[in-house]
Amino acid sequence: MSDGAATELTRDGTFSARTETLVREMILDGTIAPGDRLNEVSLASALGISRGPLREAIQRLAGEGLLTIISHRGAFVRTFEAREIDELYDMRTAYEMYAARLVCERATDDDLAALDAFVSETAEAMSSGGGGSYPADRDFHVRLLHLAGNATLERAALETQAQISLARSMSAQVPVRAKAALDEHADIVAALQARSADDAAHFVRQHLDHARRSALAALGFDDDSRRGSETS
């Protein structure tokens, strides 16, 4: 890590909060890979902090499901089985289907017009950026959850999404799926603008089921992995 990381920790917020943010970023961007053990001594040295704030951050990240703490061995970046990914998508689907219903009730017409424009701008970014990959800095789902106007729902859904992002970081992104995902985002927005909560929830569920299947396939799991483990 560069010297800038340590400098950032001296700015806004507490040491432990900033440490948590930086370690989370290192986990999600693959700097610390799934299955790796966190070396507290070297990580604290790299961040320019004591081990106290780092340990606090580790406990919170374990609570979010990004780390696994093994007694007498330390903290490890979480790895995922097919069943766990399936269950995470079950939770994400439940959260986002309800969020879509709330958006239909609470979002203004201007809010939805901005969401529609966001999808169009994402399409342009994908076309001009080359490769057809979905831009990492344009998260449709974060915007959808925020428009629901429920901070508790948003926080829980984003924690689940972070775990899925960690699981997906173990595989390459699939440009073909990125284009399909964008088209599905457009279907969701159209249902929201029509104020059809049932259609919006349906399209969210369909979209996330496709995402679940894509995630399992990209990680080398077949779609029957969970059912197979239950019946074996």
Protein backbone atom coordinates (compact mmCIF):
# COMPACT_ATOMS: atom_id res chain seq x y z
CA MET A 1 0.00 0.00 0.00
CA SER A 2 1.22 3.54 -0.76
CA ASP A 3 2.16 6.10 1.89
CA GLY A 4 -1.04 7.94 0.94
CA ALA A 5 -3.13 5.35 2.75
CA ALA A 6 -1.57 6.21 6.08
CA THR A 7 -2.06 9.91 5.37
CA GLU A 8 -5.75 9.35 4.66
CA LEU A 9 -6.20 7.79 8.10
CA THR A 10 -5.24 11.07 9.77
CA ARG A 11 -8.00 13.02 8.05
CA ASP A 12 -11.74 12.91 8.68
CA GLY A 13 -13.30 10.30 10.95
CA THR A 14 -11.83 8.02 13.57
CA PHE A 15 -8.88 5.73 12.99
CA SER A 16 -11.06 2.64 13.33
CA ALA A 17 -13.71 3.91 10.90
CA ARG A 18 -11.15 4.89 8.28
CA THR A 19 -9.29 1.63 8.81
CA GLU A 20 -12.53 -0.28 8.29
CA THR A 21 -13.17 1.57 5.03
CA LEU A 22 -9.68 0.96 3.68
CA VAL A 23 -9.55 -2.72 4.64
CA ARG A 24 -13.03 -3.24 3.13
CA GLU A 25 -11.80 -1.69 -0.12
CA MET A 26 -8.71 -3.92 -0.09
CA ILE A 27 -10.92 -6.99 0.32
CA LEU A 28 -13.44 -6.04 -2.36
CA ASP A 29 -10.85 -4.98 -4.95
CA GLY A 30 -8.86 -8.18 -4.45
CA THR A 31 -5.77 -6.60 -2.87
CA ILE A 32 -6.35 -9.14 -0.10
CA ALA A 33 -7.62 -12.21 -1.93
CA PRO A 34 -10.39 -14.61 -0.85
CA GLY A 35 -8.94 -17.19 1.52
CA ASP A 36 -5.98 -14.99 2.50
CA ARG A 37 -5.14 -14.49 6.15
CA LEU A 38 -4.88 -10.89 7.35
CA ASN A 39 -1.41 -10.32 8.79
CA GLU A 40 -2.18 -7.75 11.46
CA VAL A 41 1.44 -6.72 11.98
CA SER A 42 2.22 -6.01 8.31
CA LEU A 43 -1.22 -4.52 7.59
CA ALA A 44 -1.05 -2.15 10.57
CA SER A 45 2.43 -1.11 9.47
CA ALA A 46 1.27 -0.51 5.90
CA LEU A 47 -1.62 1.63 7.13
CA GLY A 48 0.55 3.48 9.64
CA ILE A 49 -1.66 2.67 12.64
CA SER A 50 -1.61 0.61 15.82
CA ARG A 51 -3.21 -2.84 15.89
CA GLY A 52 -6.09 -1.66 18.12
CA PRO A 53 -8.08 0.19 15.41
CA LEU A 54 -7.25 -2.59 12.96
CA ARG A 55 -8.69 -5.23 15.28
CA GLU A 56 -11.86 -3.17 15.72
CA ALA A 57 -12.20 -2.92 11.94
CA ILE A 58 -11.64 -6.67 11.57
CA GLN A 59 -14.43 -7.42 14.04
CA ARG A 60 -16.87 -5.18 12.17
CA LEU A 61 -15.94 -6.62 8.78
CA ALA A 62 -16.43 -10.11 10.18
CA GLY A 63 -19.88 -8.99 11.30
CA GLU A 64 -20.61 -7.93 7.71
CA GLY A 65 -19.63 -11.39 6.49
CA LEU A 66 -16.49 -10.30 4.63
CA LEU A 67 -14.05 -11.96 7.03
CA THR A 68 -14.05 -15.25 8.89
CA ILE A 69 -12.31 -15.32 12.29
CA ILE A 70 -10.84 -18.69 13.27
CA SER A 71 -9.79 -19.12 16.88
CA HIS A 72 -5.99 -19.20 17.37
CA ARG A 73 -5.45 -18.73 13.62
CA GLY A 74 -6.68 -15.23 12.85
CA ALA A 75 -8.97 -13.50 10.34
CA PHE A 76 -9.33 -14.75 6.77
CA VAL A 77 -11.05 -13.21 3.76
CA ARG A 78 -14.21 -15.20 3.28
CA THR A 79 -14.63 -17.78 0.54
CA PHE A 80 -18.00 -19.05 -0.67
CA GLU A 81 -19.76 -22.32 -1.42
CA ALA A 82 -22.54 -22.51 -3.99
CA ARG A 83 -25.21 -22.75 -1.31
CA GLU A 84 -23.96 -19.58 0.40
CA ILE A 85 -24.09 -17.64 -2.86
CA ASP A 86 -27.60 -18.93 -3.49
CA GLU A 87 -28.71 -17.82 -0.02
CA LEU A 88 -27.15 -14.38 -0.45
CA TYR A 89 -29.08 -13.91 -3.67
CA ASP A 90 -32.27 -15.01 -1.89
CA MET A 91 -31.73 -12.21 0.63
CA ARG A 92 -30.72 -9.66 -1.99
CA THR A 93 -33.81 -10.47 -4.05
CA ALA A 94 -36.11 -10.05 -1.05
CA TYR A 95 -34.56 -6.70 -0.15
CA GLU A 96 -34.61 -5.29 -3.66
CA MET A 97 -38.10 -6.50 -4.57
CA TYR A 98 -39.43 -4.65 -1.53
CA ALA A 99 -37.24 -1.64 -2.35
CA ALA A 100 -38.78 -1.53 -5.84
CA ARG A 101 -42.26 -1.45 -4.31
CA LEU A 102 -41.23 1.42 -2.03
CA VAL A 103 -39.72 3.32 -4.96
CA CYS A 104 -43.04 3.06 -6.80
CA GLU A 105 -44.74 4.66 -3.80
CA ARG A 106 -42.16 7.24 -2.75
CA ALA A 107 -39.96 8.34 -5.64
CA THR A 108 -40.85 11.49 -7.52
CA ASP A 109 -41.20 11.62 -11.29
CA ASP A 110 -37.92 13.56 -11.38
CA ASP A 111 -36.22 10.83 -9.34
CA LEU A 112 -37.31 8.19 -11.85
CA ALA A 113 -36.37 10.34 -14.82
CA ALA A 114 -32.88 10.65 -13.30
CA LEU A 115 -32.71 6.88 -12.84
CA ASP A 116 -33.73 6.39 -16.48
CA ALA A 117 -31.03 8.85 -17.56
CA PHE A 118 -28.52 6.97 -15.42
CA VAL A 119 -29.27 3.74 -17.32
CA SER A 120 -28.88 5.55 -20.66
CA GLU A 121 -25.59 7.13 -19.57
CA THR A 122 -24.34 3.71 -18.44
CA ALA A 123 -25.12 2.31 -21.90
CA GLU A 124 -23.09 5.11 -23.47
CA ALA A 125 -20.19 4.47 -21.08
CA MET A 126 -20.22 0.77 -21.96
CA SER A 127 -20.19 1.54 -25.69
CA SER A 128 -17.40 4.08 -25.52
CA GLY A 129 -15.29 2.32 -22.91
CA GLY A 130 -14.55 -0.74 -25.01
CA GLY A 131 -14.97 -4.36 -24.08
CA GLY A 132 -18.62 -4.02 -23.09
CA SER A 133 -17.99 -4.52 -19.38
CA TYR A 134 -20.33 -2.89 -16.89
CA PRO A 135 -18.65 0.23 -15.40
CA ALA A 136 -17.60 -0.47 -11.81
CA ASP A 137 -18.47 3.05 -10.69
CA ARG A 138 -22.09 3.00 -11.95
CA ASP A 139 -24.14 0.88 -9.55
CA PHE A 140 -27.82 0.82 -10.52
CA HIS A 141 -28.78 -1.14 -7.42
CA VAL A 142 -27.28 1.39 -5.01
CA ARG A 143 -29.44 4.09 -6.61
CA LEU A 144 -32.55 1.91 -6.52
CA LEU A 145 -32.08 1.16 -2.82
CA HIS A 146 -31.48 4.81 -2.00
CA LEU A 147 -34.69 5.88 -3.74
CA ALA A 148 -36.67 3.49 -1.51
CA GLY A 149 -36.13 5.95 1.34
CA ASN A 150 -35.49 3.32 4.02
CA ALA A 151 -32.01 3.59 5.53
CA THR A 152 -32.26 0.32 7.46
CA LEU A 153 -33.27 -1.61 4.34
CA GLU A 154 -30.55 0.12 2.33
CA ARG A 155 -27.84 -0.74 4.86
CA ALA A 156 -28.84 -4.41 5.11
CA ALA A 157 -29.12 -4.78 1.35
CA LEU A 158 -25.73 -3.18 0.73
CA GLU A 159 -24.05 -5.50 3.24
CA THR A 160 -25.50 -8.46 1.37
CA GLN A 161 -24.42 -6.94 -1.93
CA ALA A 162 -20.87 -6.50 -0.61
CA GLN A 163 -20.66 -10.21 0.20
CA ILE A 164 -21.86 -11.06 -3.30
CA SER A 165 -19.27 -8.65 -4.76
CA LEU A 166 -16.58 -10.46 -2.80
CA ALA A 167 -17.76 -13.82 -4.15
CA ARG A 168 -17.85 -12.43 -7.70
CA SER A 169 -14.32 -11.03 -7.32
CA MET A 170 -13.08 -14.61 -7.56
CA SER A 171 -14.17 -14.74 -11.21
CA ALA A 172 -13.80 -12.61 -14.32
CA GLN A 173 -16.62 -10.32 -15.40
CA VAL A 174 -18.68 -11.46 -18.38
CA PRO A 175 -19.35 -8.65 -20.93
CA VAL A 176 -22.30 -10.51 -22.50
CA ARG A 177 -24.06 -10.64 -19.14
CA ALA A 178 -23.25 -6.95 -18.59
CA LYS A 179 -25.26 -5.97 -21.68
CA ALA A 180 -28.15 -8.22 -20.64
CA ALA A 181 -28.06 -6.74 -17.14
CA LEU A 182 -28.29 -3.23 -18.55
CA ASP A 183 -31.36 -4.18 -20.61
CA GLU A 184 -32.93 -5.64 -17.46
CA HIS A 185 -32.23 -2.42 -15.56
CA ALA A 186 -34.14 -0.57 -18.29
CA ASP A 187 -37.12 -2.93 -17.85
CA ILE A 188 -37.13 -2.25 -14.11
CA VAL A 189 -37.05 1.51 -14.65
CA ALA A 190 -39.91 1.34 -17.16
CA ALA A 191 -42.06 -0.53 -14.61
CA LEU A 192 -41.15 2.00 -11.91
CA GLN A 193 -42.10 4.91 -14.15
CA ALA A 194 -45.43 3.20 -14.84
CA ARG A 195 -45.86 2.96 -11.03
CA SER A 196 -46.47 -0.78 -11.39
CA ALA A 197 -45.12 -2.25 -8.16
CA ASP A 198 -45.93 -5.82 -9.20
CA ASP A 199 -44.13 -5.50 -12.54
CA ALA A 200 -41.16 -3.74 -10.96
CA ALA A 201 -40.81 -6.46 -8.31
CA HIS A 202 -41.14 -9.13 -11.01
CA PHE A 203 -38.40 -7.62 -13.15
CA VAL A 204 -36.11 -7.23 -10.12
CA ARG A 205 -36.62 -10.88 -9.22
CA GLN A 206 -36.00 -12.00 -12.80
CA HIS A 207 -32.90 -9.83 -13.09
CA LEU A 208 -31.36 -11.11 -9.86
CA ASP A 209 -32.14 -14.72 -10.74
CA HIS A 210 -30.19 -14.23 -13.98
CA ALA A 211 -27.38 -12.62 -11.96
CA ARG A 212 -27.36 -15.54 -9.52
CA ARG A 213 -27.08 -18.08 -12.34
CA SER A 214 -24.30 -16.05 -13.95
CA ALA A 215 -22.41 -15.81 -10.65
CA LEU A 216 -22.61 -19.55 -10.03
CA ALA A 217 -21.49 -20.33 -13.57
CA ALA A 218 -18.60 -17.84 -13.46
CA LEU A 219 -17.38 -19.45 -10.23
CA GLY A 220 -17.54 -22.93 -11.72
CA PHE A 221 -20.70 -24.08 -9.92
CA ASP A 222 -23.58 -25.64 -11.78
CA ASP A 223 -27.08 -24.33 -11.11
CA ASP A 224 -28.04 -27.47 -9.17
CA SER A 225 -25.15 -27.22 -6.70
CA ARG A 226 -27.33 -26.32 -3.74
CA ARG A 227 -30.01 -28.90 -4.51
CA GLY A 228 -27.35 -31.53 -5.06
CA SER A 229 -25.81 -30.86 -1.66
CA GLU A 230 -29.19 -31.10 0.01
CA THR A 231 -30.07 -34.46 -1.52
CA SER A 232 -26.67 -36.15 -1.27
